[in-house]
Amino acid sequence: MTVRHGGVTAVRYAREDYIEDIPVPAERLQWFRVVDDFFSLIETASAREALVRASFDQEYGYPAAIFIDYDPDLVGDEVDIRVTAFYPVR
């Protein structure tokens, strides 16, 4: 995912079973979250008393991994996000 000026400008799915990454169509870019959205997601889930586990990057402070379970009695409502690479603009 490429983010510029706080907005998602490109996303590519990296799949092990394909030789090349698969680009996400422009009309679907709004489905993806930026770092500020991760903080909001954690805050909103916490307010709803969901189970929230998050770890933060020690250097930059962004949420590097987020796990949310809104209802432990339901299967499939979990959110699991991991930032696998982060390249800040300098």
Protein backbone atom coordinates (compact mmCIF):
# COMPACT_ATOMS: atom_id res chain seq x y z
CA MET A 1 0.00 0.00 0.00
CA THR A 2 1.32 3.41 -0.90
CA VAL A 3 0.14 6.42 1.11
CA ARG A 4 0.83 10.01 0.19
CA HIS A 5 -0.42 13.08 2.05
CA GLY A 6 -2.60 10.92 4.30
CA GLY A 7 -4.41 9.10 1.48
CA VAL A 8 -4.05 5.68 -0.13
CA THR A 9 -2.71 6.08 -3.67
CA ALA A 10 -1.96 2.45 -4.59
CA VAL A 11 -2.34 -1.07 -3.23
CA ARG A 12 -0.90 -4.31 -4.54
CA TYR A 13 -1.68 -7.79 -3.26
CA ALA A 14 1.53 -9.77 -2.84
CA ARG A 15 0.61 -13.42 -3.31
CA GLU A 16 3.08 -16.26 -3.02
CA ASP A 17 1.31 -18.27 -5.73
CA TYR A 18 1.70 -15.51 -8.34
CA ILE A 19 4.89 -14.32 -10.00
CA GLU A 20 3.84 -10.65 -9.86
CA ASP A 21 1.84 -8.59 -7.37
CA ILE A 22 -1.80 -7.93 -8.22
CA PRO A 23 -2.82 -4.24 -8.33
CA VAL A 24 -6.03 -3.21 -6.60
CA PRO A 25 -8.42 -1.23 -8.84
CA ALA A 26 -8.60 2.49 -8.04
CA GLU A 27 -12.30 2.30 -7.12
CA ARG A 28 -11.43 -0.06 -4.24
CA LEU A 29 -8.67 2.03 -2.64
CA GLN A 30 -11.15 3.51 -0.14
CA TRP A 31 -11.38 0.06 1.49
CA PHE A 32 -7.84 0.38 2.85
CA ARG A 33 -6.81 2.17 6.04
CA VAL A 34 -3.93 4.52 6.77
CA VAL A 35 -2.07 4.75 10.11
CA ASP A 36 -4.45 7.40 11.52
CA ASP A 37 -7.33 5.02 10.78
CA PHE A 38 -5.60 2.30 12.83
CA PHE A 39 -5.63 4.53 15.91
CA SER A 40 -9.33 5.27 15.36
CA LEU A 41 -10.07 1.57 14.89
CA ILE A 42 -8.39 0.74 18.22
CA GLU A 43 -10.22 3.56 20.01
CA THR A 44 -13.63 2.65 18.59
CA ALA A 45 -13.23 -1.06 19.35
CA SER A 46 -12.10 -0.27 22.90
CA ALA A 47 -15.15 1.96 23.40
CA ARG A 48 -17.33 -0.97 22.28
CA GLU A 49 -15.59 -3.12 24.92
CA ALA A 50 -14.16 -5.47 22.30
CA LEU A 51 -11.06 -7.52 23.01
CA VAL A 52 -8.25 -5.39 21.58
CA ARG A 53 -4.59 -6.35 21.37
CA ALA A 54 -2.18 -3.97 19.69
CA SER A 55 1.58 -3.66 19.50
CA PHE A 56 3.28 -0.49 18.42
CA ASP A 57 6.43 0.22 16.47
CA GLN A 58 9.07 1.35 18.96
CA GLU A 59 10.68 3.89 16.64
CA TYR A 60 7.66 5.57 15.01
CA GLY A 61 4.81 4.68 17.39
CA TYR A 62 2.30 3.44 14.80
CA PRO A 63 0.21 0.30 15.48
CA ALA A 64 2.29 -2.47 13.90
CA ALA A 65 -0.18 -5.25 14.77
CA ILE A 66 -3.85 -5.07 15.76
CA PHE A 67 -6.18 -7.87 16.74
CA ILE A 68 -9.80 -7.14 17.61
CA ASP A 69 -12.52 -9.59 18.59
CA TYR A 70 -15.84 -7.80 18.85
CA ASP A 71 -17.74 -10.82 20.17
CA PRO A 72 -15.89 -13.87 21.53
CA ASP A 73 -18.99 -16.02 20.96
CA LEU A 74 -19.03 -15.31 17.21
CA VAL A 75 -16.72 -16.75 14.59
CA GLY A 76 -15.52 -14.48 11.80
CA ASP A 77 -16.00 -11.05 13.39
CA GLU A 78 -12.32 -10.68 14.22
CA VAL A 79 -10.05 -8.05 12.70
CA ASP A 80 -6.36 -8.91 12.31
CA ILE A 81 -4.07 -6.27 10.80
CA ARG A 82 -0.29 -6.37 10.51
CA VAL A 83 1.97 -3.73 9.03
CA THR A 84 4.67 -5.74 7.29
CA ALA A 85 6.74 -2.82 6.00
CA PHE A 86 6.82 0.88 6.81
CA TYR A 87 8.89 3.45 4.95
CA PRO A 88 8.43 6.95 6.34
CA VAL A 89 8.83 9.98 4.11
CA ARG A 90 11.87 11.93 5.21
